[in-house]
Amino acid sequence: MCMVIFAPLFAIFAFATCGGYSGGLRLRVDCINKSDSDLSIDIAFAYPFRLYQVNFDAPTCEGKRREKLSLIGDFSSSAEFFVTIAVFAFLYSLAATVVYIFFQNKYRENNRGPLIDFIVTVVFSFMWLVGSSAWAKGLSDVKVATDPDEVLLLMSACKQQSNKCMPVRSPVMSSLNTSVVFGFLNFILWAGNIWFVFKETGWHSSGTRYPQETMEKQSSSYNQGGYNQDSYGPSGGYNQQGGSFGQVGELGQQQSFSPSGPTSFANQI
């Protein structure tokens, strides 16, 4: 039930916080000649973080000439891979929810449904781990590439000590950090569901059948080769073969009792 409720929600949060991101930064270049200065250089970027395609103009502090620069890096592979996993996980979890609720009999027919569900759950658990780890590394690289201090180093005017270059606004990465957190939460959710899906498969039932059969065999062997109450006499005493108990009667005859009955030896004192 937790899988049905939380899997679609966690997947939505994962791809929404990553795929819907757009941010930017603002820089300031103050030249010696104030007329050449640019106090507001806005640089905007967004998903899928092909930063080499993000262009911006910067002053050179050499008259009115400006230079065209671009950010460095392409981090689209890890970001798109992460979002793709989130979208497919969302679609599968919705389809699985419909099957669990409305097609429970078809799901358990021939044990195919649980087996397919188990395999898909293992695959998605592994993909969430790989995708979240790759995107966490990609996000750290995005933060470095969009760091205002690193971007200022790309400008030729900022390489001259006479000019003053400083960041005005840094990009906000809180939603991207949230996407990484939800990525690993999805991995924990899907990995934890592996055991519950495995219990629905025939592999789990066949594994528990053998201990029950061995217990039945052991109990039957105790019944066949164990103690028998018929070995006790009707009076509760023990029957001993080959032994006899003697008793002296009133007529002076010594009698002996054996398991087959009393026997007289007719010996007078």
C-alpha atoms as a PDB file:
ATOM      1  CA  MET A   1       0.000   0.000   0.000  1.00  0.00           C
ATOM      2  CA  CYS A   2       2.884   2.385   0.714  1.00  0.00           C
ATOM      3  CA  MET A   3       4.225   1.687  -2.754  1.00  0.00           C
ATOM      4  CA  VAL A   4       0.863   2.522  -4.317  1.00  0.00           C
ATOM      5  CA  ILE A   5       0.610   5.819  -2.451  1.00  0.00           C
ATOM      6  CA  PHE A   6       4.170   7.156  -2.330  1.00  0.00           C
ATOM      7  CA  ALA A   7       5.766   5.869  -5.558  1.00  0.00           C
ATOM      8  CA  PRO A   8       3.796   8.162  -7.916  1.00  0.00           C
ATOM      9  CA  LEU A   9       4.201  11.155  -5.603  1.00  0.00           C
ATOM     10  CA  PHE A  10       7.937  10.722  -5.131  1.00  0.00           C
ATOM     11  CA  ALA A  11       8.415  10.269  -8.881  1.00  0.00           C
ATOM     12  CA  ILE A  12       6.462  13.472  -9.598  1.00  0.00           C
ATOM     13  CA  PHE A  13       8.541  15.457  -7.128  1.00  0.00           C
ATOM     14  CA  ALA A  14      11.755  14.055  -8.590  1.00  0.00           C
ATOM     15  CA  PHE A  15      11.174  15.000 -12.222  1.00  0.00           C
ATOM     16  CA  ALA A  16       9.270  18.197 -11.453  1.00  0.00           C
ATOM     17  CA  THR A  17      12.020  19.707  -9.288  1.00  0.00           C
ATOM     18  CA  CYS A  18      14.672  18.817 -11.865  1.00  0.00           C
ATOM     19  CA  GLY A  19      12.929  19.106 -15.227  1.00  0.00           C
ATOM     20  CA  GLY A  20      11.148  22.338 -14.357  1.00  0.00           C
ATOM     21  CA  TYR A  21      14.183  24.211 -13.124  1.00  0.00           C
ATOM     22  CA  SER A  22      15.254  27.584 -14.499  1.00  0.00           C
ATOM     23  CA  GLY A  23      17.721  29.893 -12.805  1.00  0.00           C
ATOM     24  CA  GLY A  24      20.218  32.612 -13.420  1.00  0.00           C
ATOM     25  CA  LEU A  25      22.918  34.813 -12.045  1.00  0.00           C
ATOM     26  CA  ARG A  26      23.814  38.483 -12.309  1.00  0.00           C
ATOM     27  CA  LEU A  27      27.291  39.982 -12.584  1.00  0.00           C
ATOM     28  CA  ARG A  28      28.720  43.468 -12.465  1.00  0.00           C
ATOM     29  CA  VAL A  29      31.734  44.877 -14.313  1.00  0.00           C
ATOM     30  CA  ASP A  30      32.902  48.329 -13.260  1.00  0.00           C
ATOM     31  CA  CYS A  31      35.497  49.686 -15.677  1.00  0.00           C
ATOM     32  CA  ILE A  32      37.875  52.586 -15.105  1.00  0.00           C
ATOM     33  CA  ASN A  33      35.988  54.447 -17.771  1.00  0.00           C
ATOM     34  CA  LYS A  34      32.517  54.503 -16.271  1.00  0.00           C
ATOM     35  CA  SER A  35      30.872  54.772 -19.656  1.00  0.00           C
ATOM     36  CA  ASP A  36      32.199  51.319 -20.574  1.00  0.00           C
ATOM     37  CA  SER A  37      30.899  49.656 -17.419  1.00  0.00           C
ATOM     38  CA  ASP A  38      28.004  47.184 -17.278  1.00  0.00           C
ATOM     39  CA  LEU A  39      26.471  46.945 -13.842  1.00  0.00           C
ATOM     40  CA  SER A  40      23.873  44.292 -14.677  1.00  0.00           C
ATOM     41  CA  ILE A  41      24.902  41.261 -16.732  1.00  0.00           C
ATOM     42  CA  ASP A  42      22.141  38.668 -16.505  1.00  0.00           C
ATOM     43  CA  ILE A  43      22.878  35.040 -17.404  1.00  0.00           C
ATOM     44  CA  ALA A  44      19.936  32.619 -17.458  1.00  0.00           C
ATOM     45  CA  PHE A  45      20.103  28.833 -17.777  1.00  0.00           C
ATOM     46  CA  ALA A  46      17.639  25.962 -17.360  1.00  0.00           C
ATOM     47  CA  TYR A  47      17.116  22.229 -17.764  1.00  0.00           C
ATOM     48  CA  PRO A  48      18.670  20.226 -19.458  1.00  0.00           C
ATOM     49  CA  PHE A  49      21.786  22.256 -18.529  1.00  0.00           C
ATOM     50  CA  ARG A  50      23.571  22.481 -21.865  1.00  0.00           C
ATOM     51  CA  LEU A  51      25.547  25.368 -20.510  1.00  0.00           C
ATOM     52  CA  TYR A  52      27.793  25.723 -23.537  1.00  0.00           C
ATOM     53  CA  GLN A  53      24.699  26.991 -25.379  1.00  0.00           C
ATOM     54  CA  VAL A  54      24.111  29.783 -22.822  1.00  0.00           C
ATOM     55  CA  ASN A  55      25.580  32.951 -24.336  1.00  0.00           C
ATOM     56  CA  PHE A  56      25.955  36.411 -22.864  1.00  0.00           C
ATOM     57  CA  ASP A  57      27.679  39.695 -23.687  1.00  0.00           C
ATOM     58  CA  ALA A  58      30.303  41.282 -21.452  1.00  0.00           C
ATOM     59  CA  PRO A  59      32.181  44.577 -21.700  1.00  0.00           C
ATOM     60  CA  THR A  60      35.890  44.594 -22.453  1.00  0.00           C
ATOM     61  CA  CYS A  61      36.460  48.020 -20.848  1.00  0.00           C
ATOM     62  CA  GLU A  62      38.131  49.051 -24.097  1.00  0.00           C
ATOM     63  CA  GLY A  63      35.719  51.542 -25.531  1.00  0.00           C
ATOM     64  CA  LYS A  64      32.320  50.304 -26.604  1.00  0.00           C
ATOM     65  CA  ARG A  65      33.552  46.941 -27.742  1.00  0.00           C
ATOM     66  CA  ARG A  66      31.904  43.950 -26.134  1.00  0.00           C
ATOM     67  CA  GLU A  67      32.729  40.269 -26.232  1.00  0.00           C
ATOM     68  CA  LYS A  68      30.382  37.342 -26.587  1.00  0.00           C
ATOM     69  CA  LEU A  69      30.970  34.546 -24.104  1.00  0.00           C
ATOM     70  CA  SER A  70      29.264  31.332 -23.094  1.00  0.00           C
ATOM     71  CA  LEU A  71      29.208  29.126 -20.038  1.00  0.00           C
ATOM     72  CA  ILE A  72      31.249  25.939 -19.929  1.00  0.00           C
ATOM     73  CA  GLY A  73      29.938  22.386 -19.722  1.00  0.00           C
ATOM     74  CA  ASP A  74      27.202  20.035 -20.893  1.00  0.00           C
ATOM     75  CA  PHE A  75      25.387  18.197 -18.116  1.00  0.00           C
ATOM     76  CA  SER A  76      22.300  17.221 -20.063  1.00  0.00           C
ATOM     77  CA  SER A  77      23.030  13.473 -20.089  1.00  0.00           C
ATOM     78  CA  SER A  78      22.779  12.939 -16.335  1.00  0.00           C
ATOM     79  CA  ALA A  79      19.846  15.342 -15.961  1.00  0.00           C
ATOM     80  CA  GLU A  80      17.828  13.820 -18.818  1.00  0.00           C
ATOM     81  CA  PHE A  81      18.591  10.297 -17.637  1.00  0.00           C
ATOM     82  CA  PHE A  82      17.326  11.163 -14.163  1.00  0.00           C
ATOM     83  CA  VAL A  83      14.132  12.749 -15.473  1.00  0.00           C
ATOM     84  CA  THR A  84      13.494   9.840 -17.853  1.00  0.00           C
ATOM     85  CA  ILE A  85      13.707   7.329 -15.013  1.00  0.00           C
ATOM     86  CA  ALA A  86      11.328   9.444 -12.935  1.00  0.00           C
ATOM     87  CA  VAL A  87       8.766   9.677 -15.745  1.00  0.00           C
ATOM     88  CA  PHE A  88       8.783   5.956 -16.512  1.00  0.00           C
ATOM     89  CA  ALA A  89       8.657   5.085 -12.806  1.00  0.00           C
ATOM     90  CA  PHE A  90       5.641   7.360 -12.446  1.00  0.00           C
ATOM     91  CA  LEU A  91       3.843   5.738 -15.393  1.00  0.00           C
ATOM     92  CA  TYR A  92       4.598   2.204 -14.205  1.00  0.00           C
ATOM     93  CA  SER A  93       3.515   2.908 -10.638  1.00  0.00           C
ATOM     94  CA  LEU A  94       0.209   4.294 -11.923  1.00  0.00           C
ATOM     95  CA  ALA A  95      -0.344   1.233 -14.120  1.00  0.00           C
ATOM     96  CA  ALA A  96       0.569  -1.094 -11.241  1.00  0.00           C
ATOM     97  CA  THR A  97      -1.886   0.722  -8.976  1.00  0.00           C
ATOM     98  CA  VAL A  98      -4.708   0.173 -11.477  1.00  0.00           C
ATOM     99  CA  VAL A  99      -3.826  -3.517 -11.796  1.00  0.00           C
ATOM    100  CA  TYR A 100      -3.642  -4.017  -8.008  1.00  0.00           C
ATOM    101  CA  ILE A 101      -7.065  -2.468  -7.471  1.00  0.00           C
ATOM    102  CA  PHE A 102      -9.141  -3.568 -10.463  1.00  0.00           C
ATOM    103  CA  PHE A 103      -7.397  -6.630 -11.926  1.00  0.00           C
ATOM    104  CA  GLN A 104      -6.227  -8.561  -8.896  1.00  0.00           C
ATOM    105  CA  ASN A 105      -7.338 -11.939 -10.309  1.00  0.00           C
ATOM    106  CA  LYS A 106      -5.558 -11.371 -13.602  1.00  0.00           C
ATOM    107  CA  TYR A 107      -2.500 -10.227 -11.701  1.00  0.00           C
ATOM    108  CA  ARG A 108      -2.196 -13.538  -9.818  1.00  0.00           C
ATOM    109  CA  GLU A 109      -3.124 -15.744 -12.763  1.00  0.00           C
ATOM    110  CA  ASN A 110      -0.333 -18.234 -13.633  1.00  0.00           C
ATOM    111  CA  ASN A 111       1.952 -16.270 -11.294  1.00  0.00           C
ATOM    112  CA  ARG A 112       3.037 -14.073 -14.233  1.00  0.00           C
ATOM    113  CA  GLY A 113       1.956 -10.803 -12.695  1.00  0.00           C
ATOM    114  CA  PRO A 114       4.054 -11.098  -9.509  1.00  0.00           C
ATOM    115  CA  LEU A 115       7.101 -12.309 -11.459  1.00  0.00           C
ATOM    116  CA  ILE A 116       6.930  -9.380 -13.892  1.00  0.00           C
ATOM    117  CA  ASP A 117       6.351  -6.979 -11.026  1.00  0.00           C
ATOM    118  CA  PHE A 118       9.346  -8.373  -9.155  1.00  0.00           C
ATOM    119  CA  ILE A 119      11.699  -8.043 -12.138  1.00  0.00           C
ATOM    120  CA  VAL A 120      10.534  -4.518 -12.948  1.00  0.00           C
ATOM    121  CA  THR A 121      10.894  -3.466  -9.296  1.00  0.00           C
ATOM    122  CA  VAL A 122      14.484  -4.720  -9.167  1.00  0.00           C
ATOM    123  CA  VAL A 123      15.309  -2.912 -12.425  1.00  0.00           C
ATOM    124  CA  PHE A 124      13.797   0.375 -11.268  1.00  0.00           C
ATOM    125  CA  SER A 125      15.600   0.137  -7.923  1.00  0.00           C
ATOM    126  CA  PHE A 126      18.919  -0.206  -9.704  1.00  0.00           C
ATOM    127  CA  MET A 127      18.081   2.567 -12.182  1.00  0.00           C
ATOM    128  CA  TRP A 128      17.063   4.945  -9.392  1.00  0.00           C
ATOM    129  CA  LEU A 129      20.382   4.343  -7.646  1.00  0.00           C
ATOM    130  CA  VAL A 130      22.415   4.902 -10.817  1.00  0.00           C
ATOM    131  CA  GLY A 131      20.356   7.884 -11.978  1.00  0.00           C
ATOM    132  CA  SER A 132      20.381   9.621  -8.601  1.00  0.00           C
ATOM    133  CA  SER A 133      24.124   9.140  -8.188  1.00  0.00           C
ATOM    134  CA  ALA A 134      24.837  10.413 -11.701  1.00  0.00           C
ATOM    135  CA  TRP A 135      22.585  13.432 -11.252  1.00  0.00           C
ATOM    136  CA  ALA A 136      24.148  14.251  -7.868  1.00  0.00           C
ATOM    137  CA  LYS A 137      27.551  14.361  -9.562  1.00  0.00           C
ATOM    138  CA  GLY A 138      26.122  16.372 -12.461  1.00  0.00           C
ATOM    139  CA  LEU A 139      24.517  18.863 -10.100  1.00  0.00           C
ATOM    140  CA  SER A 140      27.812  19.479  -8.331  1.00  0.00           C
ATOM    141  CA  ASP A 141      29.394  20.211 -11.719  1.00  0.00           C
ATOM    142  CA  VAL A 142      26.538  22.567 -12.608  1.00  0.00           C
ATOM    143  CA  LYS A 143      27.109  24.481  -9.389  1.00  0.00           C
ATOM    144  CA  VAL A 144      30.781  24.891 -10.213  1.00  0.00           C
ATOM    145  CA  ALA A 145      30.105  25.960 -13.818  1.00  0.00           C
ATOM    146  CA  THR A 146      27.515  28.556 -12.769  1.00  0.00           C
ATOM    147  CA  ASP A 147      29.440  29.903  -9.817  1.00  0.00           C
ATOM    148  CA  PRO A 148      29.645  33.700 -10.343  1.00  0.00           C
ATOM    149  CA  ASP A 149      33.308  33.774  -9.385  1.00  0.00           C
ATOM    150  CA  GLU A 150      34.094  31.154 -12.016  1.00  0.00           C
ATOM    151  CA  VAL A 151      32.070  32.983 -14.669  1.00  0.00           C
ATOM    152  CA  LEU A 152      33.886  36.254 -13.950  1.00  0.00           C
ATOM    153  CA  LEU A 153      37.160  34.550 -14.815  1.00  0.00           C
ATOM    154  CA  LEU A 154      35.891  34.096 -18.376  1.00  0.00           C
ATOM    155  CA  MET A 155      35.759  37.875 -18.957  1.00  0.00           C
ATOM    156  CA  SER A 156      38.853  39.597 -20.276  1.00  0.00           C
ATOM    157  CA  ALA A 157      37.968  42.829 -18.445  1.00  0.00           C
ATOM    158  CA  CYS A 158      38.063  41.013 -15.083  1.00  0.00           C
ATOM    159  CA  LYS A 159      41.638  39.908 -15.729  1.00  0.00           C
ATOM    160  CA  GLN A 160      42.780  43.502 -15.349  1.00  0.00           C
ATOM    161  CA  GLN A 161      43.179  44.610 -11.757  1.00  0.00           C
ATOM    162  CA  SER A 162      42.128  48.153 -12.578  1.00  0.00           C
ATOM    163  CA  ASN A 163      38.596  46.975 -13.315  1.00  0.00           C
ATOM    164  CA  LYS A 164      36.226  45.856 -10.577  1.00  0.00           C
ATOM    165  CA  CYS A 165      34.171  42.696 -11.189  1.00  0.00           C
ATOM    166  CA  MET A 166      31.803  41.295  -8.630  1.00  0.00           C
ATOM    167  CA  PRO A 167      28.753  39.014  -8.442  1.00  0.00           C
ATOM    168  CA  VAL A 168      25.368  40.604  -7.801  1.00  0.00           C
ATOM    169  CA  ARG A 169      23.156  37.522  -7.556  1.00  0.00           C
ATOM    170  CA  SER A 170      23.956  33.822  -7.380  1.00  0.00           C
ATOM    171  CA  PRO A 171      21.708  31.083  -8.780  1.00  0.00           C
ATOM    172  CA  VAL A 172      19.302  29.374  -6.376  1.00  0.00           C
ATOM    173  CA  MET A 173      19.799  25.585  -6.411  1.00  0.00           C
ATOM    174  CA  SER A 174      17.370  24.526  -3.678  1.00  0.00           C
ATOM    175  CA  SER A 175      14.939  22.803  -6.047  1.00  0.00           C
ATOM    176  CA  LEU A 176      17.777  20.874  -7.690  1.00  0.00           C
ATOM    177  CA  ASN A 177      19.026  19.742  -4.294  1.00  0.00           C
ATOM    178  CA  THR A 178      15.478  18.577  -3.562  1.00  0.00           C
ATOM    179  CA  SER A 179      15.433  16.545  -6.763  1.00  0.00           C
ATOM    180  CA  VAL A 180      18.534  14.635  -5.661  1.00  0.00           C
ATOM    181  CA  VAL A 181      16.961  13.922  -2.273  1.00  0.00           C
ATOM    182  CA  PHE A 182      13.784  12.595  -3.891  1.00  0.00           C
ATOM    183  CA  GLY A 183      15.896  10.508  -6.229  1.00  0.00           C
ATOM    184  CA  PHE A 184      17.487   8.602  -3.363  1.00  0.00           C
ATOM    185  CA  LEU A 185      14.137   8.413  -1.558  1.00  0.00           C
ATOM    186  CA  ASN A 186      12.716   6.718  -4.643  1.00  0.00           C
ATOM    187  CA  PHE A 187      15.595   4.253  -4.577  1.00  0.00           C
ATOM    188  CA  ILE A 188      14.889   3.417  -0.927  1.00  0.00           C
ATOM    189  CA  LEU A 189      11.173   3.045  -1.645  1.00  0.00           C
ATOM    190  CA  TRP A 190      11.615   0.748  -4.634  1.00  0.00           C
ATOM    191  CA  ALA A 191      14.394  -1.291  -3.020  1.00  0.00           C
ATOM    192  CA  GLY A 192      12.305  -1.779   0.122  1.00  0.00           C
ATOM    193  CA  ASN A 193       9.401  -2.991  -1.995  1.00  0.00           C
ATOM    194  CA  ILE A 194      11.470  -5.823  -3.498  1.00  0.00           C
ATOM    195  CA  TRP A 195      10.846  -8.088  -0.495  1.00  0.00           C
ATOM    196  CA  PHE A 196       7.093  -7.553  -0.512  1.00  0.00           C
ATOM    197  CA  VAL A 197       6.854  -8.249  -4.250  1.00  0.00           C
ATOM    198  CA  PHE A 198       9.066 -11.321  -3.843  1.00  0.00           C
ATOM    199  CA  LYS A 199       6.607 -12.750  -1.312  1.00  0.00           C
ATOM    200  CA  GLU A 200       3.918 -12.648  -4.004  1.00  0.00           C
ATOM    201  CA  THR A 201       5.934 -14.768  -6.434  1.00  0.00           C
ATOM    202  CA  GLY A 202       6.034 -18.538  -6.697  1.00  0.00           C
ATOM    203  CA  TRP A 203       9.698 -18.531  -5.739  1.00  0.00           C
ATOM    204  CA  HIS A 204       8.843 -17.563  -2.168  1.00  0.00           C
ATOM    205  CA  SER A 205       6.050 -20.171  -1.849  1.00  0.00           C
ATOM    206  CA  SER A 206       8.229 -22.949  -3.267  1.00  0.00           C
ATOM    207  CA  GLY A 207      11.007 -22.027  -0.858  1.00  0.00           C
ATOM    208  CA  THR A 208       8.730 -22.337   2.172  1.00  0.00           C
ATOM    209  CA  ARG A 209       7.203 -25.633   1.037  1.00  0.00           C
ATOM    210  CA  TYR A 210      10.285 -27.772   1.696  1.00  0.00           C
ATOM    211  CA  PRO A 211      10.648 -26.998   5.436  1.00  0.00           C
ATOM    212  CA  GLN A 212       6.989 -27.958   5.951  1.00  0.00           C
ATOM    213  CA  GLU A 213       7.481 -31.295   4.164  1.00  0.00           C
ATOM    214  CA  THR A 214      10.506 -32.149   6.307  1.00  0.00           C
ATOM    215  CA  MET A 215       8.551 -31.361   9.479  1.00  0.00           C
ATOM    216  CA  GLU A 216       5.744 -33.674   8.356  1.00  0.00           C
ATOM    217  CA  LYS A 217       8.217 -36.470   7.639  1.00  0.00           C
ATOM    218  CA  GLN A 218       9.828 -36.094  11.060  1.00  0.00           C
ATOM    219  CA  SER A 219       6.483 -36.153  12.848  1.00  0.00           C
ATOM    220  CA  SER A 220       5.400 -39.299  10.985  1.00  0.00           C
ATOM    221  CA  SER A 221       8.661 -41.038  11.874  1.00  0.00           C
ATOM    222  CA  TYR A 222       8.067 -40.318  15.557  1.00  0.00           C
ATOM    223  CA  ASN A 223       4.587 -41.841  15.324  1.00  0.00           C
ATOM    224  CA  GLN A 224       5.856 -45.006  13.654  1.00  0.00           C
ATOM    225  CA  GLY A 225       9.061 -45.660  15.608  1.00  0.00           C
ATOM    226  CA  GLY A 226       8.218 -44.091  18.947  1.00  0.00           C
ATOM    227  CA  TYR A 227       6.832 -45.367  22.199  1.00  0.00           C
ATOM    228  CA  ASN A 228       3.815 -47.705  22.210  1.00  0.00           C
ATOM    229  CA  GLN A 229       1.413 -47.748  25.113  1.00  0.00           C
ATOM    230  CA  ASP A 230       0.505 -51.411  24.453  1.00  0.00           C
ATOM    231  CA  SER A 231       3.875 -52.408  25.928  1.00  0.00           C
ATOM    232  CA  TYR A 232       2.443 -51.640  29.332  1.00  0.00           C
ATOM    233  CA  GLY A 233       0.156 -54.073  31.059  1.00  0.00           C
ATOM    234  CA  PRO A 234      -3.474 -53.355  31.841  1.00  0.00           C
ATOM    235  CA  SER A 235      -2.588 -52.809  35.475  1.00  0.00           C
ATOM    236  CA  GLY A 236       0.123 -50.361  34.691  1.00  0.00           C
ATOM    237  CA  GLY A 237       3.011 -52.781  35.459  1.00  0.00           C
ATOM    238  CA  TYR A 238       5.855 -53.842  33.165  1.00  0.00           C
ATOM    239  CA  ASN A 239       5.776 -57.176  31.331  1.00  0.00           C
ATOM    240  CA  GLN A 240       9.156 -58.838  31.446  1.00  0.00           C
ATOM    241  CA  GLN A 241       9.929 -61.826  29.245  1.00  0.00           C
ATOM    242  CA  GLY A 242      11.972 -64.730  30.540  1.00  0.00           C
ATOM    243  CA  GLY A 243      11.391 -63.784  34.200  1.00  0.00           C
ATOM    244  CA  SER A 244       9.032 -65.430  36.730  1.00  0.00           C
ATOM    245  CA  PHE A 245       7.778 -64.554  40.144  1.00  0.00           C
ATOM    246  CA  GLY A 246       7.312 -67.306  42.746  1.00  0.00           C
ATOM    247  CA  GLN A 247       4.511 -67.572  45.267  1.00  0.00           C
ATOM    248  CA  VAL A 248       3.897 -70.118  48.015  1.00  0.00           C
ATOM    249  CA  GLY A 249       0.279 -71.322  48.173  1.00  0.00           C
ATOM    250  CA  GLU A 250      -1.729 -72.573  51.112  1.00  0.00           C
ATOM    251  CA  LEU A 251      -1.077 -76.274  50.216  1.00  0.00           C
ATOM    252  CA  GLY A 252       2.673 -75.786  50.303  1.00  0.00           C
ATOM    253  CA  GLN A 253       3.045 -75.803  46.528  1.00  0.00           C
ATOM    254  CA  GLN A 254       5.417 -73.352  44.948  1.00  0.00           C
ATOM    255  CA  GLN A 255       3.834 -71.671  41.955  1.00  0.00           C
ATOM    256  CA  SER A 256       5.531 -69.494  39.367  1.00  0.00           C
ATOM    257  CA  PHE A 257       3.917 -66.997  37.126  1.00  0.00           C
ATOM    258  CA  SER A 258       5.113 -66.397  33.660  1.00  0.00           C
ATOM    259  CA  PRO A 259       3.800 -64.224  30.888  1.00  0.00           C
ATOM    260  CA  SER A 260       1.831 -67.225  29.530  1.00  0.00           C
ATOM    261  CA  GLY A 261       0.185 -68.132  32.862  1.00  0.00           C
ATOM    262  CA  PRO A 262       0.897 -69.883  36.208  1.00  0.00           C
ATOM    263  CA  THR A 263       2.879 -73.200  36.250  1.00  0.00           C
ATOM    264  CA  SER A 264       3.003 -75.683  39.200  1.00  0.00           C
ATOM    265  CA  PHE A 265       6.163 -77.599  40.053  1.00  0.00           C
ATOM    266  CA  ALA A 266       4.469 -79.841  42.729  1.00  0.00           C
ATOM    267  CA  ASN A 267       7.339 -79.623  45.168  1.00  0.00           C
ATOM    268  CA  GLN A 268       6.292 -80.152  48.804  1.00  0.00           C
ATOM    269  CA  ILE A 269       8.324 -78.862  51.630  1.00  0.00           C
END
